[in-house]
Amino acid sequence: MLQHLIYGALTCVAIMAPLAAAADTTVQPAPNGIELPQGYKDWRVIAPSYRTDKKHVRVIVGNDIAVNAARAGKTNPWPDGAVLGKLSWKEKVDEHWAPALVPGDFVQAEFMLKDEKKYASTGGWGYARWLGMDQKPYGKDANFAQECVACHTAVKSNDWMFTHPAKLP
């Protein structure tokens, strides 16, 4: 089933990439000033994931710095300049193949930006999230990032990162 989940998530990213050029680029920055990374819809996949408690299909993508670090096994710590994005959809049963879960409605795009100096107070990472298809910034003020840090504290020894890059042949 994971194989079908991965296929569905990668297919969704491939389908969405050409639409990126037509997308509205007037998205507001997160309350902490982080702007939605330009071109993220064209970034390469670092790993798929599935969150059972939320029933979300997820794809972790990265900028070139993040992808190169992941493929070189240099992710603890991740290098400054690495940006990882997590794109999340509600799970949906494939209408043509019931055992397969595929992306349904888009939930959110979350990003972690590595800059040891700029984000020293949050473990060297800047956090941002945009909700839904209209990409509404998450959080009432800049302190929303403390929610992210609290959750990511469980993986502090892994440079605050839950993601494990998928191994490729």
C-alpha atoms as a PDB file:
ATOM      1  CA  MET A   1       0.000   0.000   0.000  1.00  0.00           C
ATOM      2  CA  LEU A   2       2.897   2.376   0.732  1.00  0.00           C
ATOM      3  CA  GLN A   3       4.045   1.847  -2.857  1.00  0.00           C
ATOM      4  CA  HIS A   4       0.665   3.069  -4.124  1.00  0.00           C
ATOM      5  CA  LEU A   5       0.726   6.004  -1.704  1.00  0.00           C
ATOM      6  CA  ILE A   6       4.165   7.045  -2.951  1.00  0.00           C
ATOM      7  CA  TYR A   7       3.057   6.718  -6.578  1.00  0.00           C
ATOM      8  CA  GLY A   8      -0.055   8.796  -5.925  1.00  0.00           C
ATOM      9  CA  ALA A   9       1.880  11.526  -4.115  1.00  0.00           C
ATOM     10  CA  LEU A  10       4.571  11.739  -6.799  1.00  0.00           C
ATOM     11  CA  THR A  11       1.931  11.790  -9.536  1.00  0.00           C
ATOM     12  CA  CYS A  12       0.144  14.663  -7.803  1.00  0.00           C
ATOM     13  CA  VAL A  13       3.360  16.701  -7.597  1.00  0.00           C
ATOM     14  CA  ALA A  14       4.072  16.015 -11.284  1.00  0.00           C
ATOM     15  CA  ILE A  15       0.563  17.104 -12.265  1.00  0.00           C
ATOM     16  CA  MET A  16       0.738  20.267 -10.151  1.00  0.00           C
ATOM     17  CA  ALA A  17       4.142  21.444 -11.414  1.00  0.00           C
ATOM     18  CA  PRO A  18       2.884  22.795 -14.761  1.00  0.00           C
ATOM     19  CA  LEU A  19       0.110  24.658 -12.923  1.00  0.00           C
ATOM     20  CA  ALA A  20       2.655  26.576 -10.862  1.00  0.00           C
ATOM     21  CA  ALA A  21       3.218  29.116 -13.627  1.00  0.00           C
ATOM     22  CA  ALA A  22      -0.476  29.965 -13.663  1.00  0.00           C
ATOM     23  CA  ALA A  23      -0.822  30.204  -9.875  1.00  0.00           C
ATOM     24  CA  ASP A  24      -1.590  33.465  -8.052  1.00  0.00           C
ATOM     25  CA  THR A  25       1.664  34.653  -6.541  1.00  0.00           C
ATOM     26  CA  THR A  26       0.139  37.269  -4.223  1.00  0.00           C
ATOM     27  CA  VAL A  27       0.318  35.116  -1.097  1.00  0.00           C
ATOM     28  CA  GLN A  28       0.869  36.950   2.198  1.00  0.00           C
ATOM     29  CA  PRO A  29       3.995  36.126   4.237  1.00  0.00           C
ATOM     30  CA  ALA A  30       3.749  34.129   7.462  1.00  0.00           C
ATOM     31  CA  PRO A  31       3.339  36.219  10.646  1.00  0.00           C
ATOM     32  CA  ASN A  32       7.073  35.854  11.341  1.00  0.00           C
ATOM     33  CA  GLY A  33       7.921  37.456   7.979  1.00  0.00           C
ATOM     34  CA  ILE A  34       8.859  34.302   6.094  1.00  0.00           C
ATOM     35  CA  GLU A  35       7.601  34.453   2.517  1.00  0.00           C
ATOM     36  CA  LEU A  36       6.192  31.507   0.622  1.00  0.00           C
ATOM     37  CA  PRO A  37       9.210  30.120  -1.280  1.00  0.00           C
ATOM     38  CA  GLN A  38       8.951  30.901  -4.985  1.00  0.00           C
ATOM     39  CA  GLY A  39       8.975  27.881  -7.253  1.00  0.00           C
ATOM     40  CA  TYR A  40       8.434  25.336  -4.464  1.00  0.00           C
ATOM     41  CA  LYS A  41       5.898  23.491  -6.623  1.00  0.00           C
ATOM     42  CA  ASP A  42       8.779  22.562  -8.923  1.00  0.00           C
ATOM     43  CA  TRP A  43      11.123  21.325  -6.178  1.00  0.00           C
ATOM     44  CA  ARG A  44      12.282  17.721  -6.137  1.00  0.00           C
ATOM     45  CA  VAL A  45      10.947  15.079  -3.779  1.00  0.00           C
ATOM     46  CA  ILE A  46      13.031  14.170  -0.726  1.00  0.00           C
ATOM     47  CA  ALA A  47      10.545  11.698   0.762  1.00  0.00           C
ATOM     48  CA  PRO A  48       6.865  10.780   0.890  1.00  0.00           C
ATOM     49  CA  SER A  49       5.091  10.308   4.191  1.00  0.00           C
ATOM     50  CA  TYR A  50       1.695   9.448   5.563  1.00  0.00           C
ATOM     51  CA  ARG A  51       0.256  10.724   8.818  1.00  0.00           C
ATOM     52  CA  THR A  52      -2.152   8.142  10.226  1.00  0.00           C
ATOM     53  CA  ASP A  53      -3.682  10.375  12.911  1.00  0.00           C
ATOM     54  CA  LYS A  54      -4.696  13.033  10.393  1.00  0.00           C
ATOM     55  CA  LYS A  55      -5.046  10.716   7.375  1.00  0.00           C
ATOM     56  CA  HIS A  56      -2.822  12.996   5.322  1.00  0.00           C
ATOM     57  CA  VAL A  57      -0.797  12.052   2.264  1.00  0.00           C
ATOM     58  CA  ARG A  58       2.396  14.116   2.340  1.00  0.00           C
ATOM     59  CA  VAL A  59       5.329  14.831   0.091  1.00  0.00           C
ATOM     60  CA  ILE A  60       8.493  16.416   1.453  1.00  0.00           C
ATOM     61  CA  VAL A  61      10.229  18.514  -1.188  1.00  0.00           C
ATOM     62  CA  GLY A  62      13.392  20.559  -1.027  1.00  0.00           C
ATOM     63  CA  ASN A  63      15.312  23.322  -2.677  1.00  0.00           C
ATOM     64  CA  ASP A  64      18.568  22.353  -4.417  1.00  0.00           C
ATOM     65  CA  ILE A  65      20.608  22.747  -1.218  1.00  0.00           C
ATOM     66  CA  ALA A  66      18.275  20.414   0.700  1.00  0.00           C
ATOM     67  CA  VAL A  67      18.070  17.824  -2.083  1.00  0.00           C
ATOM     68  CA  ASN A  68      21.849  17.745  -2.533  1.00  0.00           C
ATOM     69  CA  ALA A  69      22.354  17.355   1.232  1.00  0.00           C
ATOM     70  CA  ALA A  70      19.761  14.575   1.395  1.00  0.00           C
ATOM     71  CA  ARG A  71      21.326  12.646  -1.471  1.00  0.00           C
ATOM     72  CA  ALA A  72      24.804  13.066   0.023  1.00  0.00           C
ATOM     73  CA  GLY A  73      23.619  11.913   3.463  1.00  0.00           C
ATOM     74  CA  LYS A  74      24.552  15.273   5.043  1.00  0.00           C
ATOM     75  CA  THR A  75      21.376  15.960   6.991  1.00  0.00           C
ATOM     76  CA  ASN A  76      22.453  16.006  10.608  1.00  0.00           C
ATOM     77  CA  PRO A  77      22.929  18.876  10.579  1.00  0.00           C
ATOM     78  CA  TRP A  78      21.293  20.136   7.405  1.00  0.00           C
ATOM     79  CA  PRO A  79      23.345  22.900   5.753  1.00  0.00           C
ATOM     80  CA  ASP A  80      22.434  26.567   6.029  1.00  0.00           C
ATOM     81  CA  GLY A  81      20.279  27.555   3.075  1.00  0.00           C
ATOM     82  CA  ALA A  82      18.393  24.246   3.005  1.00  0.00           C
ATOM     83  CA  VAL A  83      14.640  24.695   2.700  1.00  0.00           C
ATOM     84  CA  LEU A  84      12.274  21.753   3.044  1.00  0.00           C
ATOM     85  CA  GLY A  85       8.589  21.888   2.259  1.00  0.00           C
ATOM     86  CA  LYS A  86       5.880  19.505   3.308  1.00  0.00           C
ATOM     87  CA  LEU A  87       2.835  19.456   1.038  1.00  0.00           C
ATOM     88  CA  SER A  88      -0.197  17.771   2.596  1.00  0.00           C
ATOM     89  CA  TRP A  89      -3.452  16.447   1.194  1.00  0.00           C
ATOM     90  CA  LYS A  90      -6.365  14.618   2.794  1.00  0.00           C
ATOM     91  CA  GLU A  91      -6.272  10.953   1.874  1.00  0.00           C
ATOM     92  CA  LYS A  92      -8.678   9.791  -0.786  1.00  0.00           C
ATOM     93  CA  VAL A  93      -9.380   6.289  -2.026  1.00  0.00           C
ATOM     94  CA  ASP A  94      -8.477   5.995  -5.699  1.00  0.00           C
ATOM     95  CA  GLU A  95     -11.724   5.744  -7.650  1.00  0.00           C
ATOM     96  CA  HIS A  96     -10.251   3.117  -9.989  1.00  0.00           C
ATOM     97  CA  TRP A  97      -8.307   1.056  -7.462  1.00  0.00           C
ATOM     98  CA  ALA A  98      -9.744   0.854  -3.956  1.00  0.00           C
ATOM     99  CA  PRO A  99      -6.560  -0.402  -2.231  1.00  0.00           C
ATOM    100  CA  ALA A 100      -4.725   2.780  -3.240  1.00  0.00           C
ATOM    101  CA  LEU A 101      -4.788   6.011  -1.241  1.00  0.00           C
ATOM    102  CA  VAL A 102      -4.144   9.135  -3.305  1.00  0.00           C
ATOM    103  CA  PRO A 103      -4.086  12.872  -2.581  1.00  0.00           C
ATOM    104  CA  GLY A 104      -7.524  14.431  -2.138  1.00  0.00           C
ATOM    105  CA  ASP A 105      -8.165  18.005  -0.986  1.00  0.00           C
ATOM    106  CA  PHE A 106      -5.051  20.111  -0.406  1.00  0.00           C
ATOM    107  CA  VAL A 107      -4.523  20.863   3.304  1.00  0.00           C
ATOM    108  CA  GLN A 108      -1.355  22.911   3.689  1.00  0.00           C
ATOM    109  CA  ALA A 109       2.194  23.719   2.710  1.00  0.00           C
ATOM    110  CA  GLU A 110       4.719  23.903   5.552  1.00  0.00           C
ATOM    111  CA  PHE A 111       8.326  25.007   5.293  1.00  0.00           C
ATOM    112  CA  MET A 112      11.488  24.828   7.377  1.00  0.00           C
ATOM    113  CA  LEU A 113      14.353  27.174   6.437  1.00  0.00           C
ATOM    114  CA  LYS A 114      17.828  26.429   7.831  1.00  0.00           C
ATOM    115  CA  ASP A 115      19.843  29.446   8.999  1.00  0.00           C
ATOM    116  CA  GLU A 116      21.775  28.822  12.221  1.00  0.00           C
ATOM    117  CA  LYS A 117      22.290  32.527  12.983  1.00  0.00           C
ATOM    118  CA  LYS A 118      18.982  34.037  11.859  1.00  0.00           C
ATOM    119  CA  TYR A 119      16.871  31.354  13.567  1.00  0.00           C
ATOM    120  CA  ALA A 120      19.146  30.585  16.538  1.00  0.00           C
ATOM    121  CA  SER A 121      16.239  30.957  18.986  1.00  0.00           C
ATOM    122  CA  THR A 122      14.306  28.162  17.211  1.00  0.00           C
ATOM    123  CA  GLY A 123      17.083  25.598  16.787  1.00  0.00           C
ATOM    124  CA  GLY A 124      18.487  27.104  13.602  1.00  0.00           C
ATOM    125  CA  TRP A 125      15.232  26.685  11.679  1.00  0.00           C
ATOM    126  CA  GLY A 126      12.598  29.172  10.531  1.00  0.00           C
ATOM    127  CA  TYR A 127       9.077  27.766  10.328  1.00  0.00           C
ATOM    128  CA  ALA A 128       6.125  28.802   8.171  1.00  0.00           C
ATOM    129  CA  ARG A 129       2.796  27.316   7.091  1.00  0.00           C
ATOM    130  CA  TRP A 130       0.115  28.246   4.566  1.00  0.00           C
ATOM    131  CA  LEU A 131      -3.346  26.677   4.666  1.00  0.00           C
ATOM    132  CA  GLY A 132      -5.585  25.446   1.884  1.00  0.00           C
ATOM    133  CA  MET A 133      -5.679  26.229  -1.795  1.00  0.00           C
ATOM    134  CA  ASP A 134      -5.806  29.958  -1.049  1.00  0.00           C
ATOM    135  CA  GLN A 135      -2.562  29.597   0.937  1.00  0.00           C
ATOM    136  CA  LYS A 136      -3.654  31.601   3.971  1.00  0.00           C
ATOM    137  CA  PRO A 137      -0.709  32.181   6.356  1.00  0.00           C
ATOM    138  CA  TYR A 138      -0.968  30.222   9.601  1.00  0.00           C
ATOM    139  CA  GLY A 139      -0.590  31.866  13.002  1.00  0.00           C
ATOM    140  CA  LYS A 140      -1.772  35.013  14.737  1.00  0.00           C
ATOM    141  CA  ASP A 141       1.717  36.393  15.344  1.00  0.00           C
ATOM    142  CA  ALA A 142       5.375  35.430  15.049  1.00  0.00           C
ATOM    143  CA  ASN A 143       5.157  33.300  18.205  1.00  0.00           C
ATOM    144  CA  PHE A 144       3.278  30.579  16.273  1.00  0.00           C
ATOM    145  CA  ALA A 145       6.733  29.116  15.519  1.00  0.00           C
ATOM    146  CA  GLN A 146       6.959  28.027  19.165  1.00  0.00           C
ATOM    147  CA  GLU A 147       4.265  25.430  18.360  1.00  0.00           C
ATOM    148  CA  CYS A 148       6.582  24.042  15.675  1.00  0.00           C
ATOM    149  CA  VAL A 149       9.589  24.003  17.987  1.00  0.00           C
ATOM    150  CA  ALA A 150       7.588  22.242  20.717  1.00  0.00           C
ATOM    151  CA  CYS A 151       6.610  19.462  18.326  1.00  0.00           C
ATOM    152  CA  HIS A 152      10.064  19.182  16.729  1.00  0.00           C
ATOM    153  CA  THR A 153      11.821  18.990  20.111  1.00  0.00           C
ATOM    154  CA  ALA A 154      11.224  15.221  19.956  1.00  0.00           C
ATOM    155  CA  VAL A 155      13.720  15.079  17.064  1.00  0.00           C
ATOM    156  CA  LYS A 156      16.216  17.673  18.296  1.00  0.00           C
ATOM    157  CA  SER A 157      19.003  15.079  17.989  1.00  0.00           C
ATOM    158  CA  ASN A 158      18.113  14.743  14.272  1.00  0.00           C
ATOM    159  CA  ASP A 159      18.585  18.504  13.675  1.00  0.00           C
ATOM    160  CA  TRP A 160      14.924  19.065  14.582  1.00  0.00           C
ATOM    161  CA  MET A 161      13.785  17.111  11.518  1.00  0.00           C
ATOM    162  CA  PHE A 162      11.250  14.269  11.336  1.00  0.00           C
ATOM    163  CA  THR A 163      11.985  13.658   7.653  1.00  0.00           C
ATOM    164  CA  HIS A 164      14.212  10.780   6.671  1.00  0.00           C
ATOM    165  CA  PRO A 165      15.188  11.172   3.014  1.00  0.00           C
ATOM    166  CA  ALA A 166      14.062   8.279   0.866  1.00  0.00           C
ATOM    167  CA  LYS A 167      16.966   6.203  -0.376  1.00  0.00           C
ATOM    168  CA  LEU A 168      17.332   5.899  -4.119  1.00  0.00           C
ATOM    169  CA  PRO A 169      19.287   3.279  -6.075  1.00  0.00           C
END
